[in-house]
């Protein structure tokens, strides 16, 4: 930017950043760059996926969702859950879509099945990678699922097993759920979920 400004000076001035006028323009340019960066940050933080801190609090207030003690990652997911809650009509596909949007994961990461008990479901596959990335405990995940299921429907169990599996026999097999390749782009995952010592109930 500074070179562009200096090039626009009339020939009465020395067009050199080290000249007096060049030093003045450099100071102004630095301030303009800082202001421009701040404006860009404010603009990006208006996006729910990028908002942080007090900006995220303001977005949450628009949806009457208090933060409580939630960090940004969990609070963002809860706000999204509140937004998509009204989009779920109680069907399995809609519930899976709502949960996937809330946790920013693929639809294939979630499998919901009917339980033998009346008005009950089983989460046969849970998005472990997304839950661990956000920092949600299993109890908090259950709370989120309860927000998108139909009224009166209970969750009897959640399967936290991973997808990793060995070959079914002694012959060579190829599967995305086997051992990972060298680049770690494929391969099954082990079960397990983040379990914080200070687990708390979400204010939803």
N, C-alpha and C. Protein backbone atom coordinates (compact mmCIF):
# COMPACT_ATOMS: atom_id res chain seq x y z
N UNK A 1 0.83 -1.21 0.00
CA UNK A 1 0.00 0.00 0.00
C UNK A 1 0.86 1.26 0.00
N UNK A 2 1.95 1.26 0.80
CA UNK A 2 2.78 2.45 0.93
C UNK A 2 3.41 2.82 -0.40
N UNK A 3 3.85 1.84 -1.18
CA UNK A 3 4.45 2.12 -2.48
C UNK A 3 3.43 2.72 -3.43
N UNK A 4 2.20 2.26 -3.34
CA UNK A 4 1.13 2.79 -4.19
C UNK A 4 0.87 4.25 -3.85
N UNK A 5 0.87 4.57 -2.54
CA UNK A 5 0.64 5.95 -2.13
C UNK A 5 1.77 6.86 -2.61
N UNK A 6 2.99 6.39 -2.40
CA UNK A 6 4.15 7.21 -2.77
C UNK A 6 4.17 7.46 -4.28
N UNK A 7 3.77 6.47 -5.06
CA UNK A 7 3.78 6.63 -6.52
C UNK A 7 2.79 7.69 -6.98
N UNK A 8 1.79 7.99 -6.14
CA UNK A 8 0.78 8.98 -6.52
C UNK A 8 1.17 10.40 -6.12
N UNK A 9 2.32 10.56 -5.42
CA UNK A 9 2.77 11.89 -5.05
C UNK A 9 3.19 12.68 -6.30
N UNK A 10 3.05 13.98 -6.22
CA UNK A 10 3.50 14.82 -7.34
C UNK A 10 5.02 14.82 -7.37
N UNK A 11 5.58 15.31 -8.45
CA UNK A 11 7.03 15.30 -8.60
C UNK A 11 7.72 16.30 -7.69
N UNK A 12 6.96 17.08 -6.96
CA UNK A 12 7.56 18.01 -6.00
C UNK A 12 8.15 17.27 -4.81
N UNK A 13 7.71 16.03 -4.58
CA UNK A 13 8.17 15.26 -3.43
C UNK A 13 9.11 14.15 -3.87
N UNK A 14 10.02 13.78 -2.95
CA UNK A 14 10.92 12.65 -3.20
C UNK A 14 10.13 11.36 -3.00
N UNK A 15 10.02 10.56 -4.02
CA UNK A 15 9.21 9.35 -3.95
C UNK A 15 10.03 8.18 -3.40
N UNK A 16 10.36 8.34 -2.11
CA UNK A 16 11.18 7.35 -1.43
C UNK A 16 10.59 7.10 -0.04
N UNK A 17 10.36 5.85 0.35
CA UNK A 17 9.80 5.55 1.67
C UNK A 17 10.65 6.10 2.82
N UNK A 18 11.95 6.33 2.56
CA UNK A 18 12.83 6.83 3.61
C UNK A 18 12.84 8.35 3.70
N UNK A 19 12.18 9.03 2.75
CA UNK A 19 12.09 10.49 2.81
C UNK A 19 11.14 10.89 3.92
N UNK A 20 11.09 12.18 4.25
CA UNK A 20 10.21 12.65 5.33
C UNK A 20 8.75 12.36 5.02
N UNK A 21 8.34 12.69 3.80
CA UNK A 21 6.93 12.43 3.42
C UNK A 21 6.67 10.93 3.39
N UNK A 22 7.71 10.16 2.97
CA UNK A 22 7.57 8.71 2.94
C UNK A 22 7.39 8.14 4.33
N UNK A 23 8.11 8.68 5.34
CA UNK A 23 7.98 8.22 6.72
C UNK A 23 6.60 8.52 7.27
N UNK A 24 6.09 9.71 6.93
CA UNK A 24 4.74 10.08 7.39
C UNK A 24 3.70 9.12 6.80
N UNK A 25 3.82 8.87 5.50
CA UNK A 25 2.87 7.96 4.84
C UNK A 25 2.99 6.53 5.39
N UNK A 26 4.22 6.14 5.79
CA UNK A 26 4.42 4.81 6.37
C UNK A 26 3.67 4.67 7.68
N UNK A 27 3.73 5.70 8.52
CA UNK A 27 3.00 5.69 9.79
C UNK A 27 1.50 5.58 9.55
N UNK A 28 1.02 6.39 8.59
CA UNK A 28 -0.42 6.36 8.28
C UNK A 28 -0.81 5.00 7.71
N UNK A 29 0.06 4.46 6.86
CA UNK A 29 -0.23 3.17 6.23
C UNK A 29 -0.34 2.07 7.28
N UNK A 30 0.55 2.09 8.29
CA UNK A 30 0.51 1.08 9.35
C UNK A 30 -0.81 1.15 10.13
N UNK A 31 -1.25 2.37 10.39
CA UNK A 31 -2.51 2.55 11.12
C UNK A 31 -3.70 2.07 10.29
N UNK A 32 -3.65 2.39 9.00
CA UNK A 32 -4.73 1.95 8.10
C UNK A 32 -4.77 0.42 8.01
N UNK A 33 -3.59 -0.21 7.94
CA UNK A 33 -3.52 -1.67 7.89
C UNK A 33 -4.11 -2.29 9.16
N UNK A 34 -3.78 -1.70 10.31
CA UNK A 34 -4.31 -2.20 11.59
C UNK A 34 -5.82 -2.07 11.63
N UNK A 35 -6.33 -0.91 11.19
CA UNK A 35 -7.77 -0.68 11.16
C UNK A 35 -8.45 -1.64 10.20
N UNK A 36 -7.82 -1.87 9.05
CA UNK A 36 -8.38 -2.79 8.06
C UNK A 36 -8.46 -4.21 8.61
N UNK A 37 -7.41 -4.64 9.35
CA UNK A 37 -7.41 -5.97 9.95
C UNK A 37 -8.51 -6.09 10.99
N UNK A 38 -8.72 -5.02 11.77
CA UNK A 38 -9.77 -5.03 12.79
C UNK A 38 -11.15 -5.14 12.16
N UNK A 39 -11.36 -4.39 11.09
CA UNK A 39 -12.65 -4.44 10.39
C UNK A 39 -12.89 -5.83 9.82
N UNK A 40 -11.84 -6.45 9.27
CA UNK A 40 -11.96 -7.80 8.71
C UNK A 40 -12.31 -8.81 9.80
N UNK A 41 -11.68 -8.64 10.98
CA UNK A 41 -11.97 -9.53 12.11
C UNK A 41 -13.40 -9.40 12.57
N UNK A 42 -13.87 -8.16 12.71
CA UNK A 42 -15.25 -7.91 13.13
C UNK A 42 -16.22 -8.51 12.13
N UNK A 43 -15.92 -8.35 10.84
CA UNK A 43 -16.80 -8.87 9.80
C UNK A 43 -16.85 -10.40 9.84
N UNK A 44 -15.68 -11.03 10.02
CA UNK A 44 -15.65 -12.50 10.06
C UNK A 44 -16.33 -13.04 11.31
N UNK A 45 -16.21 -12.32 12.43
CA UNK A 45 -16.80 -12.78 13.68
C UNK A 45 -18.32 -12.67 13.68
N UNK A 46 -18.87 -11.97 12.72
CA UNK A 46 -20.32 -11.95 12.60
C UNK A 46 -20.85 -13.29 12.11
N UNK A 47 -19.93 -14.10 11.54
CA UNK A 47 -20.25 -15.45 11.12
C UNK A 47 -20.22 -16.35 12.35
N UNK A 48 -21.31 -17.05 12.62
CA UNK A 48 -21.40 -17.89 13.81
C UNK A 48 -20.25 -18.89 13.89
N UNK A 49 -19.82 -19.43 12.77
CA UNK A 49 -18.77 -20.44 12.77
C UNK A 49 -17.42 -19.85 13.16
N UNK A 50 -17.27 -18.54 13.07
CA UNK A 50 -15.98 -17.91 13.38
C UNK A 50 -16.04 -17.01 14.61
N UNK A 51 -17.23 -16.70 15.08
CA UNK A 51 -17.39 -15.77 16.20
C UNK A 51 -16.74 -16.32 17.47
N UNK A 52 -16.20 -15.42 18.27
CA UNK A 52 -15.55 -15.81 19.52
C UNK A 52 -15.91 -14.81 20.62
N UNK A 53 -15.71 -15.25 21.87
CA UNK A 53 -15.83 -14.35 23.01
C UNK A 53 -17.16 -13.64 23.11
N UNK A 54 -17.08 -12.33 23.38
CA UNK A 54 -18.29 -11.54 23.60
C UNK A 54 -19.14 -11.45 22.33
N UNK A 55 -18.50 -11.53 21.15
CA UNK A 55 -19.27 -11.52 19.91
C UNK A 55 -20.17 -12.75 19.85
N UNK A 56 -19.66 -13.90 20.27
CA UNK A 56 -20.45 -15.12 20.32
C UNK A 56 -21.57 -14.99 21.36
N UNK A 57 -21.28 -14.31 22.47
CA UNK A 57 -22.30 -14.07 23.50
C UNK A 57 -23.48 -13.27 22.93
N UNK A 58 -23.17 -12.29 22.10
CA UNK A 58 -24.22 -11.46 21.51
C UNK A 58 -25.09 -12.28 20.56
N UNK A 59 -24.44 -13.18 19.79
CA UNK A 59 -25.21 -14.04 18.89
C UNK A 59 -26.09 -14.97 19.71
N UNK A 60 -25.54 -15.53 20.79
CA UNK A 60 -26.32 -16.41 21.66
C UNK A 60 -27.51 -15.70 22.27
N UNK A 61 -27.32 -14.42 22.64
CA UNK A 61 -28.42 -13.65 23.22
C UNK A 61 -29.56 -13.47 22.24
N UNK A 62 -29.24 -13.39 20.94
CA UNK A 62 -30.29 -13.26 19.92
C UNK A 62 -31.20 -14.49 19.91
N UNK A 63 -30.68 -15.63 20.36
CA UNK A 63 -31.46 -16.87 20.38
C UNK A 63 -31.83 -17.28 21.80
N UNK A 64 -31.70 -16.31 22.73
CA UNK A 64 -32.04 -16.54 24.15
C UNK A 64 -31.30 -17.75 24.70
N UNK A 65 -30.04 -17.89 24.32
CA UNK A 65 -29.22 -19.00 24.79
C UNK A 65 -28.05 -18.47 25.63
N UNK A 66 -28.14 -18.61 26.96
CA UNK A 66 -27.03 -18.16 27.81
C UNK A 66 -25.80 -19.03 27.65
N UNK A 67 -24.64 -18.46 27.93
CA UNK A 67 -23.38 -19.21 27.79
C UNK A 67 -23.14 -20.12 28.98
N UNK A 68 -23.43 -19.65 30.20
CA UNK A 68 -23.06 -20.43 31.37
C UNK A 68 -21.55 -20.51 31.45
N UNK A 69 -21.00 -21.69 31.66
CA UNK A 69 -19.55 -21.86 31.75
C UNK A 69 -18.98 -22.52 30.51
N UNK A 70 -19.74 -22.52 29.44
CA UNK A 70 -19.30 -23.19 28.22
C UNK A 70 -18.19 -22.43 27.51
N UNK A 71 -17.16 -23.12 27.03
CA UNK A 71 -16.16 -22.48 26.17
C UNK A 71 -16.77 -22.21 24.79
N UNK A 72 -16.05 -21.47 23.96
CA UNK A 72 -16.58 -21.06 22.66
C UNK A 72 -17.05 -22.24 21.81
N UNK A 73 -16.24 -23.32 21.78
CA UNK A 73 -16.55 -24.44 20.89
C UNK A 73 -17.90 -25.07 21.24
N UNK A 74 -18.12 -25.32 22.54
CA UNK A 74 -19.38 -25.94 22.95
C UNK A 74 -20.53 -24.95 22.81
N UNK A 75 -20.30 -23.70 23.20
CA UNK A 75 -21.35 -22.69 23.12
C UNK A 75 -21.82 -22.51 21.68
N UNK A 76 -20.88 -22.53 20.74
CA UNK A 76 -21.23 -22.39 19.33
C UNK A 76 -22.13 -23.55 18.89
N UNK A 77 -21.81 -24.75 19.33
CA UNK A 77 -22.60 -25.93 18.96
C UNK A 77 -24.01 -25.85 19.55
N UNK A 78 -24.12 -25.33 20.77
CA UNK A 78 -25.43 -25.23 21.41
C UNK A 78 -26.31 -24.20 20.70
N UNK A 79 -25.69 -23.10 20.25
CA UNK A 79 -26.45 -22.09 19.50
C UNK A 79 -26.96 -22.70 18.20
N UNK A 80 -26.09 -23.44 17.51
CA UNK A 80 -26.50 -24.10 16.27
C UNK A 80 -27.62 -25.09 16.55
N UNK A 81 -27.50 -25.83 17.66
CA UNK A 81 -28.55 -26.80 18.02
C UNK A 81 -29.89 -26.11 18.19
N UNK A 82 -29.87 -24.92 18.77
CA UNK A 82 -31.11 -24.18 18.98
C UNK A 82 -31.70 -23.71 17.65
N UNK A 83 -30.82 -23.36 16.70
CA UNK A 83 -31.27 -22.90 15.40
C UNK A 83 -31.92 -24.04 14.62
N UNK A 84 -31.26 -25.21 14.63
CA UNK A 84 -31.74 -26.33 13.82
C UNK A 84 -32.82 -27.15 14.52
N UNK A 85 -33.05 -26.87 15.79
CA UNK A 85 -34.04 -27.63 16.54
C UNK A 85 -35.40 -27.61 15.86
N UNK A 86 -35.78 -26.44 15.36
CA UNK A 86 -37.08 -26.32 14.71
C UNK A 86 -37.14 -26.98 13.35
N UNK A 87 -35.98 -27.40 12.81
CA UNK A 87 -35.95 -28.04 11.50
C UNK A 87 -36.15 -29.54 11.58
N UNK A 88 -36.13 -30.08 12.80
CA UNK A 88 -36.30 -31.53 12.97
C UNK A 88 -37.77 -31.85 13.17
N UNK A 89 -38.29 -32.74 12.31
CA UNK A 89 -39.70 -33.12 12.40
C UNK A 89 -39.89 -34.46 13.11
N UNK A 90 -38.80 -34.96 13.71
CA UNK A 90 -38.92 -36.21 14.46
C UNK A 90 -38.54 -37.45 13.66
N UNK A 91 -38.41 -37.33 12.34
CA UNK A 91 -37.99 -38.49 11.54
C UNK A 91 -36.50 -38.70 11.74
N UNK A 92 -36.05 -39.93 11.53
CA UNK A 92 -34.64 -40.25 11.76
C UNK A 92 -33.73 -39.40 10.89
N UNK A 93 -34.08 -39.23 9.63
CA UNK A 93 -33.23 -38.45 8.72
C UNK A 93 -33.09 -37.00 9.18
N UNK A 94 -34.20 -36.41 9.61
CA UNK A 94 -34.16 -35.02 10.08
C UNK A 94 -33.38 -34.91 11.38
N UNK A 95 -33.51 -35.90 12.26
CA UNK A 95 -32.76 -35.87 13.52
C UNK A 95 -31.27 -35.97 13.24
N UNK A 96 -30.90 -36.86 12.33
CA UNK A 96 -29.49 -37.03 11.98
C UNK A 96 -28.94 -35.75 11.36
N UNK A 97 -29.72 -35.14 10.47
CA UNK A 97 -29.30 -33.88 9.85
C UNK A 97 -29.09 -32.79 10.88
N UNK A 98 -30.02 -32.68 11.84
CA UNK A 98 -29.91 -31.65 12.88
C UNK A 98 -28.68 -31.87 13.75
N UNK A 99 -28.42 -33.11 14.13
CA UNK A 99 -27.24 -33.41 14.96
C UNK A 99 -25.96 -33.14 14.18
N UNK A 100 -25.94 -33.53 12.91
CA UNK A 100 -24.75 -33.32 12.08
C UNK A 100 -24.45 -31.84 11.91
N UNK A 101 -25.47 -31.02 11.73
CA UNK A 101 -25.27 -29.57 11.61
C UNK A 101 -24.76 -29.00 12.93
N UNK A 102 -25.30 -29.50 14.03
CA UNK A 102 -24.89 -29.01 15.34
C UNK A 102 -23.42 -29.28 15.61
N UNK A 103 -22.96 -30.46 15.24
CA UNK A 103 -21.58 -30.88 15.53
C UNK A 103 -20.63 -30.71 14.36
N UNK A 104 -21.15 -30.18 13.24
CA UNK A 104 -20.33 -29.97 12.03
C UNK A 104 -19.63 -31.25 11.61
N UNK A 105 -20.40 -32.32 11.50
CA UNK A 105 -19.85 -33.61 11.08
C UNK A 105 -20.66 -34.16 9.91
N UNK A 106 -20.21 -35.26 9.34
CA UNK A 106 -20.90 -35.86 8.21
C UNK A 106 -22.14 -36.63 8.68
N UNK A 107 -23.13 -36.72 7.79
CA UNK A 107 -24.34 -37.47 8.11
C UNK A 107 -24.02 -38.93 8.39
N UNK A 108 -23.00 -39.46 7.72
CA UNK A 108 -22.65 -40.87 7.88
C UNK A 108 -22.01 -41.16 9.24
N UNK A 109 -21.66 -40.11 9.98
CA UNK A 109 -21.05 -40.30 11.31
C UNK A 109 -22.10 -40.65 12.36
N UNK A 110 -23.38 -40.55 12.00
CA UNK A 110 -24.45 -40.75 12.97
C UNK A 110 -25.43 -41.80 12.45
N UNK A 111 -25.76 -42.74 13.29
CA UNK A 111 -26.76 -43.76 12.96
C UNK A 111 -27.74 -43.86 14.12
N UNK A 112 -29.03 -43.69 13.82
CA UNK A 112 -30.08 -43.77 14.84
C UNK A 112 -31.03 -44.90 14.46
N UNK A 113 -31.34 -45.73 15.44
CA UNK A 113 -32.25 -46.85 15.22
C UNK A 113 -33.33 -46.87 16.28
N UNK A 114 -34.44 -47.52 15.95
CA UNK A 114 -35.52 -47.67 16.91
C UNK A 114 -35.16 -48.75 17.93
N UNK A 115 -35.55 -48.52 19.17
CA UNK A 115 -35.33 -49.51 20.22
C UNK A 115 -36.57 -50.39 20.34
N UNK A 116 -36.41 -51.53 20.99
CA UNK A 116 -37.56 -52.41 21.19
C UNK A 116 -38.59 -51.80 22.14
N UNK A 117 -38.12 -50.93 23.02
CA UNK A 117 -39.04 -50.24 23.93
C UNK A 117 -39.85 -49.21 23.15
N UNK A 118 -41.07 -48.93 23.57
CA UNK A 118 -41.89 -47.94 22.86
C UNK A 118 -41.34 -46.53 23.02
N UNK A 119 -41.44 -45.74 21.94
CA UNK A 119 -41.02 -44.34 21.94
C UNK A 119 -39.59 -44.19 22.45
N UNK A 120 -38.69 -45.02 21.94
CA UNK A 120 -37.29 -44.97 22.36
C UNK A 120 -36.39 -45.20 21.16
N UNK A 121 -35.22 -44.60 21.21
CA UNK A 121 -34.25 -44.76 20.13
C UNK A 121 -32.88 -45.14 20.68
N UNK A 122 -32.05 -45.67 19.79
CA UNK A 122 -30.66 -46.00 20.11
C UNK A 122 -29.77 -45.24 19.14
N UNK A 123 -28.78 -44.54 19.68
CA UNK A 123 -27.78 -43.92 18.81
C UNK A 123 -26.72 -44.99 18.56
N UNK A 124 -26.83 -45.65 17.42
CA UNK A 124 -25.98 -46.79 17.12
C UNK A 124 -24.56 -46.36 16.77
N UNK A 125 -24.44 -45.17 16.21
CA UNK A 125 -23.11 -44.64 15.90
C UNK A 125 -23.08 -43.17 16.27
N UNK A 126 -22.09 -42.79 17.07
CA UNK A 126 -21.94 -41.40 17.50
C UNK A 126 -20.69 -40.81 16.85
N UNK A 127 -20.71 -39.51 16.53
CA UNK A 127 -19.56 -38.86 15.89
C UNK A 127 -18.44 -38.58 16.89
N UNK A 128 -17.67 -39.62 17.22
CA UNK A 128 -16.65 -39.50 18.27
C UNK A 128 -15.62 -38.42 17.97
N UNK A 129 -15.17 -38.37 16.73
CA UNK A 129 -14.15 -37.38 16.38
C UNK A 129 -14.65 -35.96 16.61
N UNK A 130 -15.88 -35.69 16.20
CA UNK A 130 -16.47 -34.35 16.38
C UNK A 130 -16.66 -34.04 17.86
N UNK A 131 -17.14 -35.01 18.63
CA UNK A 131 -17.37 -34.78 20.05
C UNK A 131 -16.07 -34.48 20.78
N UNK A 132 -15.03 -35.24 20.49
CA UNK A 132 -13.74 -35.00 21.13
C UNK A 132 -13.13 -33.67 20.69
N UNK A 133 -13.35 -33.30 19.43
CA UNK A 133 -12.81 -32.04 18.92
C UNK A 133 -13.47 -30.85 19.62
N UNK A 134 -14.78 -30.93 19.81
CA UNK A 134 -15.50 -29.84 20.46
C UNK A 134 -15.27 -29.85 21.97
N UNK A 135 -15.11 -31.06 22.54
CA UNK A 135 -14.93 -31.16 23.98
C UNK A 135 -16.20 -31.51 24.72
N UNK A 136 -17.15 -32.14 24.00
CA UNK A 136 -18.42 -32.51 24.62
C UNK A 136 -18.30 -33.85 25.34
N UNK A 137 -18.86 -33.94 26.53
CA UNK A 137 -18.91 -35.21 27.24
C UNK A 137 -20.11 -36.00 26.73
N UNK A 138 -20.21 -37.26 27.10
CA UNK A 138 -21.32 -38.09 26.65
C UNK A 138 -22.64 -37.56 27.21
N UNK A 139 -22.64 -37.08 28.45
CA UNK A 139 -23.86 -36.53 29.04
C UNK A 139 -24.33 -35.28 28.29
N UNK A 140 -23.38 -34.45 27.88
CA UNK A 140 -23.72 -33.25 27.12
C UNK A 140 -24.23 -33.60 25.73
N UNK A 141 -23.64 -34.63 25.13
CA UNK A 141 -24.10 -35.09 23.82
C UNK A 141 -25.54 -35.59 23.92
N UNK A 142 -25.85 -36.31 24.98
CA UNK A 142 -27.22 -36.79 25.19
C UNK A 142 -28.18 -35.61 25.29
N UNK A 143 -27.77 -34.56 25.98
CA UNK A 143 -28.62 -33.37 26.10
C UNK A 143 -28.94 -32.79 24.72
N UNK A 144 -27.91 -32.74 23.86
CA UNK A 144 -28.12 -32.18 22.52
C UNK A 144 -29.07 -33.04 21.72
N UNK A 145 -28.88 -34.37 21.78
CA UNK A 145 -29.76 -35.28 21.04
C UNK A 145 -31.19 -35.14 21.53
N UNK A 146 -31.36 -34.97 22.84
CA UNK A 146 -32.70 -34.83 23.41
C UNK A 146 -33.40 -33.58 22.90
N UNK A 147 -32.62 -32.59 22.47
CA UNK A 147 -33.21 -31.36 21.96
C UNK A 147 -33.82 -31.53 20.57
N UNK A 148 -33.33 -32.52 19.81
CA UNK A 148 -33.79 -32.64 18.43
C UNK A 148 -34.75 -33.81 18.21
N UNK A 149 -34.88 -34.70 19.20
CA UNK A 149 -35.83 -35.80 19.03
C UNK A 149 -37.23 -35.31 19.35
N UNK A 150 -38.21 -36.08 18.93
CA UNK A 150 -39.60 -35.70 19.18
C UNK A 150 -39.92 -35.73 20.67
N UNK A 151 -40.89 -34.94 21.06
CA UNK A 151 -41.30 -34.92 22.45
C UNK A 151 -41.80 -36.29 22.87
N UNK A 152 -41.36 -36.74 24.03
CA UNK A 152 -41.79 -38.03 24.54
C UNK A 152 -40.92 -39.19 24.12
N UNK A 153 -39.96 -38.94 23.23
CA UNK A 153 -39.05 -40.00 22.77
C UNK A 153 -37.81 -40.00 23.67
N UNK A 154 -37.43 -41.16 24.17
CA UNK A 154 -36.28 -41.28 25.05
C UNK A 154 -35.11 -41.94 24.33
N UNK A 155 -33.92 -41.73 24.87
CA UNK A 155 -32.70 -42.33 24.33
C UNK A 155 -32.26 -43.42 25.29
N UNK A 156 -32.32 -44.66 24.85
CA UNK A 156 -32.00 -45.77 25.75
C UNK A 156 -30.51 -46.08 25.81
N UNK A 157 -29.78 -45.84 24.73
CA UNK A 157 -28.34 -46.11 24.76
C UNK A 157 -27.64 -45.40 23.61
N UNK A 158 -26.34 -45.19 23.79
CA UNK A 158 -25.49 -44.60 22.76
C UNK A 158 -24.26 -45.47 22.62
N UNK A 159 -24.01 -45.94 21.42
CA UNK A 159 -22.87 -46.81 21.14
C UNK A 159 -21.63 -45.95 20.92
N UNK A 160 -20.63 -46.14 21.77
CA UNK A 160 -19.40 -45.36 21.67
C UNK A 160 -18.24 -46.18 21.13
N UNK A 161 -18.57 -47.28 20.48
CA UNK A 161 -17.52 -48.10 19.88
C UNK A 161 -16.96 -47.42 18.64
N UNK A 162 -15.69 -47.67 18.39
CA UNK A 162 -15.06 -47.12 17.19
C UNK A 162 -15.40 -47.96 15.96
N UNK A 163 -14.81 -47.60 14.85
CA UNK A 163 -15.10 -48.30 13.59
C UNK A 163 -14.01 -49.30 13.22
N UNK A 164 -12.90 -49.31 13.97
CA UNK A 164 -11.77 -50.15 13.59
C UNK A 164 -12.14 -51.64 13.65
N UNK A 165 -11.65 -52.38 12.67
CA UNK A 165 -11.90 -53.82 12.66
C UNK A 165 -10.80 -54.56 11.94
N UNK A 166 -10.53 -55.78 12.39
CA UNK A 166 -9.53 -56.63 11.74
C UNK A 166 -10.18 -57.36 10.56
N UNK A 167 -9.36 -58.00 9.78
CA UNK A 167 -9.86 -58.79 8.66
C UNK A 167 -10.68 -59.96 9.19
N UNK A 168 -11.62 -60.40 8.40
CA UNK A 168 -12.51 -61.49 8.82
C UNK A 168 -11.87 -62.86 8.69
N UNK A 169 -10.75 -62.93 7.96
CA UNK A 169 -10.07 -64.22 7.77
C UNK A 169 -8.58 -64.01 7.61
N UNK A 170 -7.91 -64.98 7.01
CA UNK A 170 -6.45 -64.90 6.85
C UNK A 170 -6.04 -64.29 5.51
N UNK A 171 -6.99 -64.11 4.62
CA UNK A 171 -6.67 -63.52 3.31
C UNK A 171 -6.63 -62.00 3.41
N UNK A 172 -5.91 -61.39 2.47
CA UNK A 172 -5.76 -59.93 2.46
C UNK A 172 -7.09 -59.25 2.15
N UNK A 173 -7.44 -58.25 2.95
CA UNK A 173 -8.66 -57.48 2.74
C UNK A 173 -8.32 -55.99 2.73
N UNK A 174 -9.11 -55.24 2.01
CA UNK A 174 -8.95 -53.78 1.98
C UNK A 174 -10.22 -53.14 2.50
N UNK A 175 -10.08 -52.28 3.49
CA UNK A 175 -11.25 -51.64 4.09
C UNK A 175 -10.87 -50.29 4.68
N UNK A 176 -11.78 -49.33 4.61
CA UNK A 176 -11.52 -48.02 5.21
C UNK A 176 -11.55 -48.08 6.73
N UNK A 177 -12.01 -49.20 7.27
CA UNK A 177 -12.08 -49.35 8.72
C UNK A 177 -10.94 -50.20 9.28
N UNK A 178 -9.94 -50.51 8.44
CA UNK A 178 -8.79 -51.27 8.90
C UNK A 178 -7.69 -50.35 9.38
N UNK A 179 -6.42 -50.79 9.20
CA UNK A 179 -5.29 -49.95 9.61
C UNK A 179 -5.18 -48.75 8.67
N UNK A 180 -4.67 -47.65 9.22
CA UNK A 180 -4.55 -46.42 8.44
C UNK A 180 -3.38 -46.52 7.46
N UNK A 181 -3.46 -45.70 6.40
CA UNK A 181 -2.34 -45.61 5.48
C UNK A 181 -1.28 -44.69 6.08
N UNK A 182 -0.14 -44.54 5.41
CA UNK A 182 0.95 -43.73 5.96
C UNK A 182 0.55 -42.28 6.15
N UNK A 183 -0.34 -41.79 5.30
CA UNK A 183 -0.77 -40.38 5.40
C UNK A 183 -1.87 -40.19 6.44
N UNK A 184 -2.34 -41.29 7.04
CA UNK A 184 -3.40 -41.24 8.06
C UNK A 184 -4.70 -40.64 7.52
N UNK A 185 -4.95 -40.87 6.24
CA UNK A 185 -6.18 -40.34 5.64
C UNK A 185 -7.32 -41.34 5.67
N UNK A 186 -6.99 -42.61 5.88
CA UNK A 186 -8.02 -43.65 5.97
C UNK A 186 -7.75 -44.48 7.22
N UNK A 187 -8.67 -45.38 7.50
CA UNK A 187 -8.47 -46.27 8.64
C UNK A 187 -9.57 -46.10 9.67
N UNK A 188 -9.87 -47.18 10.39
CA UNK A 188 -10.90 -47.13 11.42
C UNK A 188 -10.42 -46.38 12.65
N UNK A 189 -11.36 -46.03 13.50
CA UNK A 189 -11.03 -45.30 14.74
C UNK A 189 -11.40 -46.18 15.94
N UNK A 190 -10.69 -45.97 17.04
CA UNK A 190 -11.01 -46.68 18.26
C UNK A 190 -12.12 -45.95 19.00
N UNK A 191 -12.79 -46.66 19.88
CA UNK A 191 -13.84 -46.04 20.68
C UNK A 191 -13.25 -45.16 21.76
N UNK A 192 -14.10 -44.49 22.48
CA UNK A 192 -13.64 -43.61 23.56
C UNK A 192 -14.14 -42.20 23.37
N UNK A 193 -14.36 -41.52 24.46
CA UNK A 193 -14.91 -40.16 24.40
C UNK A 193 -14.30 -39.32 25.50
N UNK A 194 -14.12 -38.04 25.22
CA UNK A 194 -13.59 -37.09 26.18
C UNK A 194 -14.48 -37.06 27.42
N UNK A 195 -13.86 -37.23 28.59
CA UNK A 195 -14.62 -37.24 29.85
C UNK A 195 -13.99 -36.25 30.83
N UNK A 196 -14.42 -34.99 30.82
CA UNK A 196 -13.81 -33.99 31.69
C UNK A 196 -14.10 -34.25 33.16
N UNK A 197 -13.16 -33.87 34.02
CA UNK A 197 -13.36 -34.04 35.46
C UNK A 197 -14.48 -33.14 35.97
N UNK A 198 -14.61 -31.98 35.36
CA UNK A 198 -15.63 -31.01 35.80
C UNK A 198 -16.82 -31.03 34.86
N UNK A 199 -17.30 -32.22 34.53
CA UNK A 199 -18.46 -32.34 33.64
C UNK A 199 -19.64 -31.57 34.24
N UNK A 200 -20.38 -30.87 33.39
CA UNK A 200 -21.48 -30.06 33.86
C UNK A 200 -22.65 -30.14 32.89
N UNK A 201 -23.81 -29.83 33.39
CA UNK A 201 -25.02 -29.87 32.56
C UNK A 201 -25.10 -28.58 31.73
N UNK A 202 -25.41 -28.75 30.46
CA UNK A 202 -25.52 -27.59 29.57
C UNK A 202 -26.80 -26.81 29.88
N UNK A 203 -26.76 -25.49 29.81
CA UNK A 203 -27.95 -24.67 30.12
C UNK A 203 -28.93 -24.62 28.94
N UNK A 204 -29.46 -25.79 28.56
CA UNK A 204 -30.41 -25.83 27.45
C UNK A 204 -31.68 -26.55 27.88
